Amino acid sequence: MKKESTLSRENAVFTEVVKAGDYFLHDVKKGQKFRIVDLEGNQASDSLFYNTHNKEERYSAENTIREQMNIFLTTGTVLYTNYNRPMLKIVADNCGRHDTLGGACATESNTVRYAIEKKFMHACRDSWMLACNENTDSNLEKRDIAHNINFFMNVPVTEDGYLTFADGISAPGLYVEFEALMDTTILISNCPQLNNPCNAYNPTPIEVLVFD
């Protein structure tokens, strides 16, 4: 369900533009809100979320899908952890639908999906690993990289039950906004994928804003 935010960007207490192929790592407090903005349209934002004080507790696709009885995320969706506790709530979304099944690109999947010579191209899992290695105080390790959400990515399910990667439904300036229901660590790979037509083979920046 599409819903516009009531928050003005001028009131944000934190903003950062994340270039295509870069990662974003940031903590938000319970009660704060944050917004992910698709600045130029159809840019996949591959996102992971963790309990700031216990990284073993993280976003769970399985629990979120079961509790919502929906494989797509939008306004009103509550994201649950692997401890089945509410972590985040989507409070505004003018894109309308986000994918929680398609997973993230990796060297292995690039090889399978596209060609053997694509193996060494930068991928989302590389960005997450770089974030872990460059931010050791975050207490995140390879073992903490689990299933992610692909914001702004269109991954419909066919009648015979298969996933397909289709043209995007996002557009420049569209966003998804959350309320933190616990202290939460955000880890985003702003997808560097050059082989997927969903983004017209042109990865672009996103912006993240935080509000008190």
N, C-alpha and C. Protein backbone atom coordinates (compact mmCIF):
# COMPACT_ATOMS: atom_id res chain seq x y z
N MET A 1 0.83 -1.19 0.00
CA MET A 1 0.00 0.00 0.00
C MET A 1 0.87 1.24 0.00
N LYS A 2 0.63 2.13 -0.93
CA LYS A 2 1.42 3.34 -1.00
C LYS A 2 0.93 4.36 0.02
N LYS A 3 1.90 4.98 0.70
CA LYS A 3 1.58 6.02 1.67
C LYS A 3 2.74 7.00 1.75
N GLU A 4 2.43 8.30 1.69
CA GLU A 4 3.46 9.32 1.77
C GLU A 4 3.86 9.55 3.23
N SER A 5 5.10 9.94 3.43
CA SER A 5 5.60 10.26 4.77
C SER A 5 5.10 11.62 5.23
N THR A 6 4.96 11.75 6.53
CA THR A 6 4.62 13.05 7.12
C THR A 6 5.86 13.81 7.56
N LEU A 7 7.04 13.22 7.39
CA LEU A 7 8.29 13.83 7.83
C LEU A 7 8.93 14.64 6.72
N SER A 8 9.50 15.77 7.06
CA SER A 8 10.20 16.62 6.10
C SER A 8 11.69 16.34 6.16
N ARG A 9 12.33 16.22 5.01
CA ARG A 9 13.76 15.91 4.98
C ARG A 9 14.59 16.98 5.69
N GLU A 10 14.07 18.21 5.80
CA GLU A 10 14.79 19.28 6.48
C GLU A 10 14.96 18.97 7.97
N ASN A 11 14.14 18.06 8.49
CA ASN A 11 14.20 17.73 9.91
C ASN A 11 15.04 16.48 10.19
N ALA A 12 15.65 15.93 9.18
CA ALA A 12 16.50 14.75 9.39
C ALA A 12 17.71 15.12 10.25
N VAL A 13 18.07 14.21 11.17
CA VAL A 13 19.23 14.43 12.03
C VAL A 13 20.49 13.80 11.43
N PHE A 14 20.31 13.02 10.38
CA PHE A 14 21.44 12.37 9.71
C PHE A 14 21.05 12.09 8.27
N THR A 15 21.95 12.35 7.34
CA THR A 15 21.74 12.00 5.94
C THR A 15 23.06 11.51 5.35
N GLU A 16 22.95 10.56 4.43
CA GLU A 16 24.14 10.09 3.71
C GLU A 16 23.73 9.55 2.35
N VAL A 17 24.44 9.98 1.33
CA VAL A 17 24.26 9.43 -0.02
C VAL A 17 25.22 8.26 -0.17
N VAL A 18 24.70 7.13 -0.61
CA VAL A 18 25.49 5.90 -0.76
C VAL A 18 25.65 5.62 -2.24
N LYS A 19 26.87 5.66 -2.72
CA LYS A 19 27.12 5.43 -4.13
C LYS A 19 26.83 3.98 -4.52
N ALA A 20 26.55 3.76 -5.79
CA ALA A 20 26.34 2.40 -6.30
C ALA A 20 27.59 1.56 -6.04
N GLY A 21 27.38 0.40 -5.45
CA GLY A 21 28.50 -0.49 -5.16
C GLY A 21 29.10 -0.30 -3.79
N ASP A 22 28.69 0.75 -3.06
CA ASP A 22 29.19 0.99 -1.71
C ASP A 22 28.27 0.35 -0.68
N TYR A 23 28.76 0.28 0.56
CA TYR A 23 27.92 -0.20 1.66
C TYR A 23 27.57 0.96 2.58
N PHE A 24 26.56 0.72 3.40
CA PHE A 24 26.13 1.68 4.41
C PHE A 24 25.92 0.91 5.71
N LEU A 25 26.55 1.38 6.79
CA LEU A 25 26.44 0.73 8.10
C LEU A 25 26.16 1.81 9.13
N HIS A 26 25.02 1.66 9.85
CA HIS A 26 24.62 2.73 10.76
C HIS A 26 23.66 2.16 11.81
N ASP A 27 23.71 2.71 13.02
CA ASP A 27 22.80 2.32 14.09
C ASP A 27 21.68 3.33 14.23
N VAL A 28 20.46 2.84 14.45
CA VAL A 28 19.33 3.71 14.80
C VAL A 28 18.77 3.25 16.13
N LYS A 29 18.25 4.20 16.90
CA LYS A 29 17.70 3.92 18.21
C LYS A 29 16.21 3.58 18.13
N LYS A 30 15.74 2.83 19.10
CA LYS A 30 14.31 2.54 19.19
C LYS A 30 13.53 3.85 19.20
N GLY A 31 12.52 3.94 18.35
CA GLY A 31 11.70 5.14 18.25
C GLY A 31 12.12 6.07 17.14
N GLN A 32 13.37 5.98 16.68
CA GLN A 32 13.79 6.78 15.54
C GLN A 32 13.16 6.22 14.26
N LYS A 33 13.10 7.07 13.26
CA LYS A 33 12.65 6.65 11.94
C LYS A 33 13.78 6.86 10.94
N PHE A 34 13.80 6.02 9.91
CA PHE A 34 14.78 6.22 8.85
C PHE A 34 14.14 5.94 7.50
N ARG A 35 14.68 6.57 6.50
CA ARG A 35 14.13 6.52 5.14
C ARG A 35 15.24 6.13 4.17
N ILE A 36 14.93 5.21 3.27
CA ILE A 36 15.83 4.85 2.17
C ILE A 36 15.22 5.40 0.89
N VAL A 37 15.99 6.23 0.18
CA VAL A 37 15.48 6.92 -1.01
C VAL A 37 16.17 6.39 -2.26
N ASP A 38 15.37 6.03 -3.24
CA ASP A 38 15.86 5.59 -4.55
C ASP A 38 16.05 6.84 -5.41
N LEU A 39 17.25 7.39 -5.42
CA LEU A 39 17.45 8.72 -5.98
C LEU A 39 17.19 8.80 -7.48
N GLU A 40 17.58 7.76 -8.23
CA GLU A 40 17.43 7.84 -9.69
C GLU A 40 16.50 6.78 -10.27
N GLY A 41 15.98 5.88 -9.42
CA GLY A 41 14.99 4.92 -9.86
C GLY A 41 15.52 3.54 -10.14
N ASN A 42 14.77 2.52 -9.66
CA ASN A 42 15.05 1.10 -9.92
C ASN A 42 16.44 0.65 -9.48
N GLN A 43 16.88 1.17 -8.35
CA GLN A 43 18.16 0.79 -7.79
C GLN A 43 17.94 -0.14 -6.60
N ALA A 44 18.36 -1.38 -6.70
CA ALA A 44 18.18 -2.34 -5.61
C ALA A 44 19.03 -1.96 -4.41
N SER A 45 18.39 -1.94 -3.25
CA SER A 45 19.06 -1.65 -1.99
C SER A 45 19.00 -2.91 -1.14
N ASP A 46 20.06 -3.72 -1.18
CA ASP A 46 20.09 -5.02 -0.52
C ASP A 46 20.41 -4.81 0.96
N SER A 47 19.43 -5.07 1.83
CA SER A 47 19.52 -4.61 3.22
C SER A 47 19.42 -5.75 4.23
N LEU A 48 20.24 -5.63 5.28
CA LEU A 48 20.24 -6.54 6.42
C LEU A 48 20.04 -5.71 7.68
N PHE A 49 19.38 -6.29 8.69
CA PHE A 49 19.11 -5.58 9.93
C PHE A 49 19.44 -6.47 11.12
N TYR A 50 20.01 -5.86 12.17
CA TYR A 50 20.46 -6.60 13.35
C TYR A 50 20.04 -5.86 14.63
N ASN A 51 19.81 -6.62 15.69
CA ASN A 51 19.70 -6.05 17.02
C ASN A 51 21.08 -5.48 17.38
N THR A 52 21.15 -4.18 17.63
CA THR A 52 22.44 -3.53 17.88
C THR A 52 23.20 -4.17 19.03
N HIS A 53 22.50 -4.67 20.02
CA HIS A 53 23.15 -5.18 21.23
C HIS A 53 23.37 -6.69 21.21
N ASN A 54 22.85 -7.34 20.20
CA ASN A 54 23.02 -8.79 20.07
C ASN A 54 22.90 -9.15 18.59
N LYS A 55 24.03 -9.20 17.91
CA LYS A 55 24.01 -9.39 16.46
C LYS A 55 23.51 -10.77 16.05
N GLU A 56 23.40 -11.69 17.02
CA GLU A 56 22.82 -12.99 16.69
C GLU A 56 21.32 -12.87 16.41
N GLU A 57 20.72 -11.78 16.87
CA GLU A 57 19.31 -11.52 16.54
C GLU A 57 19.26 -10.62 15.33
N ARG A 58 18.62 -11.09 14.28
CA ARG A 58 18.64 -10.36 13.00
C ARG A 58 17.31 -10.52 12.29
N TYR A 59 17.13 -9.71 11.24
CA TYR A 59 15.93 -9.81 10.41
C TYR A 59 15.76 -11.24 9.91
N SER A 60 14.52 -11.73 9.96
CA SER A 60 14.18 -13.07 9.48
C SER A 60 13.15 -12.97 8.38
N ALA A 61 13.50 -13.41 7.19
CA ALA A 61 12.53 -13.45 6.10
C ALA A 61 11.41 -14.42 6.42
N GLU A 62 11.75 -15.58 6.98
CA GLU A 62 10.75 -16.60 7.26
C GLU A 62 9.69 -16.09 8.24
N ASN A 63 10.14 -15.52 9.35
CA ASN A 63 9.19 -15.05 10.37
C ASN A 63 8.37 -13.87 9.86
N THR A 64 9.02 -12.98 9.11
CA THR A 64 8.31 -11.82 8.59
C THR A 64 7.23 -12.24 7.60
N ILE A 65 7.55 -13.14 6.70
CA ILE A 65 6.57 -13.61 5.71
C ILE A 65 5.41 -14.32 6.41
N ARG A 66 5.74 -15.17 7.39
CA ARG A 66 4.69 -15.91 8.08
C ARG A 66 3.76 -14.99 8.86
N GLU A 67 4.34 -14.04 9.59
CA GLU A 67 3.52 -13.16 10.41
C GLU A 67 2.66 -12.23 9.56
N GLN A 68 3.19 -11.80 8.38
CA GLN A 68 2.43 -10.89 7.52
C GLN A 68 1.52 -11.64 6.55
N MET A 69 1.82 -12.94 6.36
CA MET A 69 1.12 -13.75 5.35
C MET A 69 1.22 -13.08 3.98
N ASN A 70 2.43 -12.58 3.69
CA ASN A 70 2.66 -11.88 2.42
C ASN A 70 4.15 -11.93 2.12
N ILE A 71 4.51 -12.23 0.87
CA ILE A 71 5.92 -12.29 0.51
C ILE A 71 6.48 -10.93 0.11
N PHE A 72 5.61 -9.93 -0.03
CA PHE A 72 6.06 -8.59 -0.39
C PHE A 72 5.90 -7.65 0.80
N LEU A 73 6.75 -6.64 0.85
CA LEU A 73 6.75 -5.69 1.95
C LEU A 73 6.25 -4.34 1.48
N THR A 74 5.47 -3.66 2.34
CA THR A 74 4.99 -2.32 2.02
C THR A 74 4.49 -1.66 3.31
N THR A 75 3.82 -0.53 3.19
CA THR A 75 3.34 0.21 4.36
C THR A 75 2.55 -0.71 5.31
N GLY A 76 2.90 -0.66 6.59
CA GLY A 76 2.23 -1.47 7.59
C GLY A 76 2.94 -2.77 7.90
N THR A 77 3.86 -3.20 7.03
CA THR A 77 4.61 -4.43 7.28
C THR A 77 5.50 -4.28 8.51
N VAL A 78 5.47 -5.28 9.37
CA VAL A 78 6.38 -5.35 10.51
C VAL A 78 7.45 -6.39 10.18
N LEU A 79 8.71 -6.01 10.31
CA LEU A 79 9.82 -6.93 10.09
C LEU A 79 10.15 -7.62 11.41
N TYR A 80 10.18 -8.95 11.38
CA TYR A 80 10.44 -9.75 12.56
C TYR A 80 11.86 -10.31 12.54
N THR A 81 12.38 -10.59 13.73
CA THR A 81 13.71 -11.17 13.85
C THR A 81 13.63 -12.69 13.89
N ASN A 82 14.79 -13.32 13.89
CA ASN A 82 14.86 -14.77 14.03
C ASN A 82 14.45 -15.23 15.43
N TYR A 83 14.30 -14.29 16.38
CA TYR A 83 13.74 -14.59 17.70
C TYR A 83 12.24 -14.32 17.70
N ASN A 84 11.70 -14.02 16.53
CA ASN A 84 10.27 -13.72 16.33
C ASN A 84 9.81 -12.51 17.14
N ARG A 85 10.69 -11.51 17.21
CA ARG A 85 10.33 -10.26 17.86
C ARG A 85 10.24 -9.16 16.80
N PRO A 86 9.30 -8.21 16.95
CA PRO A 86 9.20 -7.11 15.99
C PRO A 86 10.42 -6.20 16.06
N MET A 87 11.00 -5.90 14.91
CA MET A 87 12.22 -5.10 14.84
C MET A 87 11.97 -3.73 14.21
N LEU A 88 11.30 -3.72 13.08
CA LEU A 88 11.05 -2.50 12.33
C LEU A 88 9.63 -2.53 11.78
N LYS A 89 9.05 -1.35 11.59
CA LYS A 89 7.75 -1.25 10.93
C LYS A 89 7.85 -0.25 9.78
N ILE A 90 7.33 -0.64 8.62
CA ILE A 90 7.30 0.28 7.48
C ILE A 90 6.13 1.23 7.70
N VAL A 91 6.43 2.51 7.86
CA VAL A 91 5.40 3.50 8.17
C VAL A 91 5.03 4.37 6.97
N ALA A 92 5.86 4.35 5.94
CA ALA A 92 5.55 5.09 4.71
C ALA A 92 6.27 4.41 3.55
N ASP A 93 5.63 4.41 2.40
CA ASP A 93 6.20 3.73 1.23
C ASP A 93 5.46 4.22 -0.02
N ASN A 94 6.14 5.01 -0.84
CA ASN A 94 5.47 5.47 -2.06
C ASN A 94 5.94 4.73 -3.30
N CYS A 95 6.69 3.63 -3.08
CA CYS A 95 7.03 2.71 -4.18
C CYS A 95 5.94 1.65 -4.29
N GLY A 96 5.61 1.02 -3.15
CA GLY A 96 4.46 0.13 -3.13
C GLY A 96 4.74 -1.33 -2.88
N ARG A 97 5.97 -1.80 -3.17
CA ARG A 97 6.23 -3.23 -2.98
C ARG A 97 7.73 -3.48 -3.02
N HIS A 98 8.19 -4.37 -2.13
CA HIS A 98 9.62 -4.67 -2.05
C HIS A 98 9.81 -6.18 -1.87
N ASP A 99 10.92 -6.68 -2.38
CA ASP A 99 11.16 -8.12 -2.45
C ASP A 99 11.91 -8.63 -1.24
N THR A 100 11.46 -9.77 -0.71
CA THR A 100 12.17 -10.41 0.40
C THR A 100 12.54 -11.87 0.09
N LEU A 101 12.48 -12.25 -1.20
CA LEU A 101 12.79 -13.63 -1.59
C LEU A 101 14.01 -13.77 -2.50
N GLY A 102 14.29 -12.76 -3.31
CA GLY A 102 15.27 -12.91 -4.39
C GLY A 102 16.71 -13.02 -3.97
N GLY A 103 17.04 -12.63 -2.73
CA GLY A 103 18.41 -12.74 -2.27
C GLY A 103 19.32 -11.69 -2.89
N ALA A 104 20.61 -11.82 -2.60
CA ALA A 104 21.60 -10.83 -3.04
C ALA A 104 22.53 -11.44 -4.06
N CYS A 105 23.10 -10.58 -4.91
CA CYS A 105 24.06 -11.07 -5.89
C CYS A 105 25.38 -11.44 -5.21
N ALA A 106 26.03 -12.45 -5.75
CA ALA A 106 27.32 -12.92 -5.24
C ALA A 106 28.14 -13.39 -6.43
N THR A 107 29.41 -13.63 -6.21
CA THR A 107 30.25 -14.09 -7.31
C THR A 107 29.72 -15.40 -7.88
N GLU A 108 29.22 -16.26 -6.99
CA GLU A 108 28.71 -17.55 -7.44
C GLU A 108 27.44 -17.39 -8.28
N SER A 109 26.51 -16.56 -7.80
CA SER A 109 25.26 -16.39 -8.55
C SER A 109 25.50 -15.64 -9.86
N ASN A 110 26.47 -14.71 -9.87
CA ASN A 110 26.80 -14.03 -11.13
C ASN A 110 27.29 -15.04 -12.17
N THR A 111 28.05 -16.03 -11.71
CA THR A 111 28.55 -17.05 -12.62
C THR A 111 27.41 -17.90 -13.17
N VAL A 112 26.48 -18.31 -12.27
CA VAL A 112 25.38 -19.18 -12.69
C VAL A 112 24.39 -18.44 -13.58
N ARG A 113 24.05 -17.22 -13.20
CA ARG A 113 23.02 -16.48 -13.93
C ARG A 113 23.51 -15.90 -15.25
N TYR A 114 24.78 -15.50 -15.30
CA TYR A 114 25.21 -14.70 -16.44
C TYR A 114 26.32 -15.40 -17.25
N ALA A 115 27.51 -15.53 -16.71
CA ALA A 115 28.60 -16.18 -17.46
C ALA A 115 29.77 -16.41 -16.51
N ILE A 116 30.62 -17.36 -16.85
CA ILE A 116 31.73 -17.72 -15.97
C ILE A 116 32.67 -16.53 -15.77
N GLU A 117 32.81 -15.69 -16.80
CA GLU A 117 33.74 -14.56 -16.69
C GLU A 117 33.20 -13.44 -15.79
N LYS A 118 31.91 -13.55 -15.37
CA LYS A 118 31.33 -12.54 -14.47
C LYS A 118 31.68 -12.80 -13.01
N LYS A 119 32.35 -13.91 -12.75
CA LYS A 119 32.61 -14.32 -11.37
C LYS A 119 33.34 -13.26 -10.56
N PHE A 120 34.21 -12.52 -11.18
CA PHE A 120 35.07 -11.60 -10.43
C PHE A 120 34.52 -10.17 -10.39
N MET A 121 33.29 -9.99 -10.86
CA MET A 121 32.66 -8.68 -10.75
C MET A 121 32.19 -8.44 -9.32
N HIS A 122 32.25 -7.20 -8.89
CA HIS A 122 31.84 -6.84 -7.53
C HIS A 122 30.37 -7.19 -7.31
N ALA A 123 30.06 -7.72 -6.12
CA ALA A 123 28.70 -8.16 -5.81
C ALA A 123 28.32 -7.70 -4.40
N CYS A 124 27.02 -7.80 -4.10
CA CYS A 124 26.53 -7.34 -2.80
C CYS A 124 27.21 -8.04 -1.63
N ARG A 125 27.40 -9.33 -1.75
CA ARG A 125 28.04 -10.06 -0.64
C ARG A 125 29.47 -9.57 -0.42
N ASP A 126 30.13 -9.13 -1.48
CA ASP A 126 31.46 -8.53 -1.31
C ASP A 126 31.37 -7.26 -0.48
N SER A 127 30.35 -6.44 -0.75
CA SER A 127 30.19 -5.18 0.00
C SER A 127 29.93 -5.45 1.47
N TRP A 128 29.08 -6.45 1.76
CA TRP A 128 28.81 -6.78 3.16
C TRP A 128 30.07 -7.28 3.87
N MET A 129 30.85 -8.11 3.19
CA MET A 129 32.09 -8.61 3.79
C MET A 129 33.07 -7.47 4.04
N LEU A 130 33.13 -6.52 3.09
CA LEU A 130 34.01 -5.36 3.27
C LEU A 130 33.57 -4.55 4.48
N ALA A 131 32.25 -4.38 4.65
CA ALA A 131 31.73 -3.65 5.81
C ALA A 131 32.14 -4.33 7.11
N CYS A 132 32.03 -5.66 7.15
CA CYS A 132 32.41 -6.40 8.35
C CYS A 132 33.90 -6.23 8.65
N ASN A 133 34.73 -6.31 7.62
CA ASN A 133 36.18 -6.26 7.81
C ASN A 133 36.68 -4.87 8.15
N GLU A 134 35.99 -3.84 7.63
CA GLU A 134 36.44 -2.47 7.87
C GLU A 134 35.84 -1.86 9.14
N ASN A 135 34.88 -2.56 9.74
CA ASN A 135 34.21 -2.04 10.94
C ASN A 135 34.15 -3.14 12.00
N THR A 136 35.32 -3.50 12.51
CA THR A 136 35.39 -4.61 13.44
C THR A 136 34.64 -4.32 14.74
N ASP A 137 34.45 -3.03 15.08
CA ASP A 137 33.72 -2.69 16.30
C ASP A 137 32.23 -2.97 16.17
N SER A 138 31.78 -3.26 14.96
CA SER A 138 30.36 -3.59 14.77
C SER A 138 30.02 -5.00 15.23
N ASN A 139 31.05 -5.82 15.45
CA ASN A 139 30.86 -7.22 15.86
C ASN A 139 30.10 -8.03 14.83
N LEU A 140 30.21 -7.64 13.56
CA LEU A 140 29.60 -8.40 12.47
C LEU A 140 30.67 -9.22 11.77
N GLU A 141 30.32 -10.47 11.46
CA GLU A 141 31.23 -11.37 10.79
C GLU A 141 30.51 -12.03 9.61
N LYS A 142 31.26 -12.81 8.86
CA LYS A 142 30.70 -13.51 7.71
C LYS A 142 29.48 -14.35 8.10
N ARG A 143 29.53 -14.97 9.26
CA ARG A 143 28.44 -15.83 9.73
C ARG A 143 27.15 -15.05 9.95
N ASP A 144 27.25 -13.72 10.06
CA ASP A 144 26.07 -12.90 10.32
C ASP A 144 25.35 -12.47 9.04
N ILE A 145 25.92 -12.77 7.90
CA ILE A 145 25.29 -12.40 6.63
C ILE A 145 24.23 -13.45 6.30
N ALA A 146 22.99 -13.07 6.49
CA ALA A 146 21.87 -13.99 6.28
C ALA A 146 21.00 -13.46 5.13
N HIS A 147 19.73 -13.87 5.13
CA HIS A 147 18.84 -13.46 4.05
C HIS A 147 18.52 -11.98 4.17
N ASN A 148 18.42 -11.32 3.02
CA ASN A 148 18.24 -9.87 2.98
C ASN A 148 16.91 -9.47 2.35
N ILE A 149 16.65 -8.16 2.38
CA ILE A 149 15.53 -7.57 1.67
C ILE A 149 16.08 -6.77 0.49
N ASN A 150 15.41 -6.86 -0.65
CA ASN A 150 15.78 -6.06 -1.82
C ASN A 150 14.76 -4.93 -1.99
N PHE A 151 15.05 -3.79 -1.37
CA PHE A 151 14.15 -2.66 -1.53
C PHE A 151 14.24 -2.11 -2.95
N PHE A 152 13.08 -1.74 -3.49
CA PHE A 152 12.92 -1.17 -4.83
C PHE A 152 13.11 -2.19 -5.95
N MET A 153 13.26 -3.46 -5.62
CA MET A 153 13.44 -4.48 -6.65
C MET A 153 12.14 -5.23 -6.89
N ASN A 154 11.83 -5.50 -8.14
CA ASN A 154 10.59 -6.17 -8.53
C ASN A 154 10.89 -7.62 -8.86
N VAL A 155 10.45 -8.53 -7.97
CA VAL A 155 10.67 -9.97 -8.17
C VAL A 155 9.32 -10.68 -8.06
N PRO A 156 8.51 -10.64 -9.10
CA PRO A 156 7.20 -11.30 -9.04
C PRO A 156 7.32 -12.82 -9.06
N VAL A 157 6.25 -13.46 -8.61
CA VAL A 157 6.17 -14.92 -8.62
C VAL A 157 5.22 -15.33 -9.75
N THR A 158 5.67 -16.26 -10.59
CA THR A 158 4.86 -16.70 -11.72
C THR A 158 3.76 -17.66 -11.25
N GLU A 159 2.82 -17.96 -12.13
CA GLU A 159 1.72 -18.86 -11.79
C GLU A 159 2.19 -20.25 -11.41
N ASP A 160 3.35 -20.67 -11.95
CA ASP A 160 3.87 -22.00 -11.62
C ASP A 160 4.86 -21.96 -10.45
N GLY A 161 4.93 -20.81 -9.76
CA GLY A 161 5.69 -20.76 -8.52
C GLY A 161 7.14 -20.37 -8.63
N TYR A 162 7.58 -19.89 -9.78
CA TYR A 162 8.97 -19.48 -9.96
C TYR A 162 9.12 -17.98 -9.74
N LEU A 163 10.33 -17.58 -9.30
CA LEU A 163 10.63 -16.17 -9.19
C LEU A 163 11.16 -15.65 -10.51
N THR A 164 10.81 -14.41 -10.84
CA THR A 164 11.34 -13.77 -12.04
C THR A 164 11.84 -12.38 -11.67
N PHE A 165 12.88 -11.95 -12.34
CA PHE A 165 13.41 -10.61 -12.12
C PHE A 165 12.89 -9.73 -13.25
N ALA A 166 11.96 -8.82 -12.90
CA ALA A 166 11.25 -8.05 -13.90
C ALA A 166 11.67 -6.58 -13.85
N ASP A 167 11.19 -5.82 -14.84
CA ASP A 167 11.46 -4.39 -14.85
C ASP A 167 11.00 -3.77 -13.55
N GLY A 168 11.75 -2.80 -13.08
CA GLY A 168 11.45 -2.18 -11.80
C GLY A 168 10.14 -1.41 -11.79
N ILE A 169 9.61 -1.23 -10.58
CA ILE A 169 8.39 -0.44 -10.41
C ILE A 169 8.68 0.84 -9.64
N SER A 170 9.96 1.08 -9.33
CA SER A 170 10.34 2.29 -8.63
C SER A 170 10.59 3.41 -9.63
N ALA A 171 10.90 4.59 -9.10
CA ALA A 171 11.15 5.77 -9.94
C ALA A 171 12.00 6.74 -9.14
N PRO A 172 12.63 7.71 -9.77
CA PRO A 172 13.47 8.66 -9.05
C PRO A 172 12.74 9.35 -7.89
N GLY A 173 13.35 9.30 -6.71
CA GLY A 173 12.81 9.98 -5.55
C GLY A 173 11.86 9.18 -4.70
N LEU A 174 11.50 7.96 -5.13
CA LEU A 174 10.62 7.14 -4.30
C LEU A 174 11.39 6.60 -3.10
N TYR A 175 10.67 6.25 -2.04
CA TYR A 175 11.34 5.88 -0.79
C TYR A 175 10.50 4.88 -0.01
N VAL A 176 11.16 4.30 0.99
CA VAL A 176 10.50 3.46 1.99
C VAL A 176 11.01 3.95 3.34
N GLU A 177 10.10 4.06 4.32
CA GLU A 177 10.44 4.66 5.61
C GLU A 177 10.03 3.74 6.75
N PHE A 178 10.84 3.69 7.80
CA PHE A 178 10.67 2.73 8.89
C PHE A 178 10.65 3.43 10.24
N GLU A 179 9.99 2.79 11.19
CA GLU A 179 10.14 3.12 12.60
C GLU A 179 10.88 1.98 13.26
N ALA A 180 11.91 2.30 14.03
CA ALA A 180 12.68 1.27 14.73
C ALA A 180 11.94 0.85 16.00
N LEU A 181 11.65 -0.44 16.12
CA LEU A 181 10.96 -0.98 17.29
C LEU A 181 11.94 -1.53 18.31
N MET A 182 13.22 -1.53 17.97
CA MET A 182 14.32 -1.84 18.88
C MET A 182 15.55 -1.13 18.34
N ASP A 183 16.59 -1.02 19.14
CA ASP A 183 17.85 -0.48 18.64
C ASP A 183 18.33 -1.39 17.51
N THR A 184 18.54 -0.82 16.34
CA THR A 184 18.77 -1.63 15.14
C THR A 184 20.00 -1.15 14.39
N THR A 185 20.81 -2.10 13.96
CA THR A 185 21.95 -1.82 13.07
C THR A 185 21.54 -2.11 11.64
N ILE A 186 21.74 -1.12 10.77
CA ILE A 186 21.40 -1.22 9.35
C ILE A 186 22.66 -1.52 8.56
N LEU A 187 22.61 -2.53 7.71
CA LEU A 187 23.72 -2.82 6.79
C LEU A 187 23.15 -2.95 5.39
N ILE A 188 23.52 -2.00 4.52
CA ILE A 188 23.00 -1.99 3.15
C ILE A 188 24.15 -2.15 2.16
N SER A 189 23.93 -3.00 1.17
CA SER A 189 24.78 -2.99 -0.02
C SER A 189 23.97 -2.31 -1.12
N ASN A 190 24.44 -1.15 -1.56
CA ASN A 190 23.77 -0.50 -2.68
C ASN A 190 24.25 -1.21 -3.95
N CYS A 191 23.40 -2.07 -4.47
CA CYS A 191 23.78 -3.12 -5.41
C CYS A 191 24.60 -2.63 -6.60
N PRO A 192 25.76 -3.27 -6.86
CA PRO A 192 26.61 -2.89 -7.98
C PRO A 192 26.32 -3.65 -9.27
N GLN A 193 25.21 -4.40 -9.29
CA GLN A 193 24.95 -5.33 -10.39
C GLN A 193 24.90 -4.63 -11.75
N LEU A 194 25.75 -5.10 -12.67
CA LEU A 194 25.82 -4.55 -14.03
C LEU A 194 25.21 -5.47 -15.07
N ASN A 195 24.72 -6.65 -14.65
CA ASN A 195 24.25 -7.66 -15.61
C ASN A 195 22.74 -7.81 -15.65
N ASN A 196 22.05 -7.12 -14.78
CA ASN A 196 20.61 -7.29 -14.65
C ASN A 196 19.87 -6.10 -15.29
N PRO A 197 18.94 -6.34 -16.20
CA PRO A 197 18.24 -5.24 -16.87
C PRO A 197 17.30 -4.47 -15.95
N CYS A 198 17.03 -4.98 -14.73
CA CYS A 198 16.10 -4.29 -13.83
C CYS A 198 16.50 -2.84 -13.59
N ASN A 199 17.81 -2.58 -13.54
CA ASN A 199 18.28 -1.21 -13.32
C ASN A 199 18.85 -0.60 -14.60
N ALA A 200 18.46 -1.16 -15.75
CA ALA A 200 18.94 -0.68 -17.06
C ALA A 200 20.46 -0.77 -17.15
N TYR A 201 21.04 -1.77 -16.45
CA TYR A 201 22.49 -1.99 -16.44
C TYR A 201 23.25 -0.77 -15.93
N ASN A 202 22.62 0.00 -15.06
CA ASN A 202 23.21 1.26 -14.60
C ASN A 202 22.93 1.46 -13.11
N PRO A 203 23.77 0.91 -12.21
CA PRO A 203 23.59 1.13 -10.78
C PRO A 203 23.71 2.62 -10.43
N THR A 204 22.88 3.07 -9.49
CA THR A 204 22.83 4.49 -9.14
C THR A 204 22.80 4.67 -7.62
N PRO A 205 23.00 5.89 -7.12
CA PRO A 205 23.06 6.11 -5.67
C PRO A 205 21.69 6.01 -4.99
N ILE A 206 21.74 5.79 -3.69
CA ILE A 206 20.58 5.91 -2.82
C ILE A 206 20.92 6.93 -1.73
N GLU A 207 19.93 7.32 -0.96
CA GLU A 207 20.17 8.20 0.18
C GLU A 207 19.47 7.62 1.40
N VAL A 208 20.10 7.75 2.56
CA VAL A 208 19.50 7.31 3.82
C VAL A 208 19.38 8.52 4.74
N LEU A 209 18.19 8.70 5.31
CA LEU A 209 17.92 9.79 6.24
C LEU A 209 17.42 9.20 7.55
N VAL A 210 17.80 9.80 8.67
CA VAL A 210 17.36 9.38 10.00
C VAL A 210 16.66 10.55 10.68
N PHE A 211 15.54 10.25 11.35
CA PHE A 211 14.74 11.27 12.03
C PHE A 211 14.56 10.89 13.50
N ASP A 212 14.64 11.87 14.40
CA ASP A 212 14.31 11.63 15.81
C ASP A 212 12.80 11.65 15.99
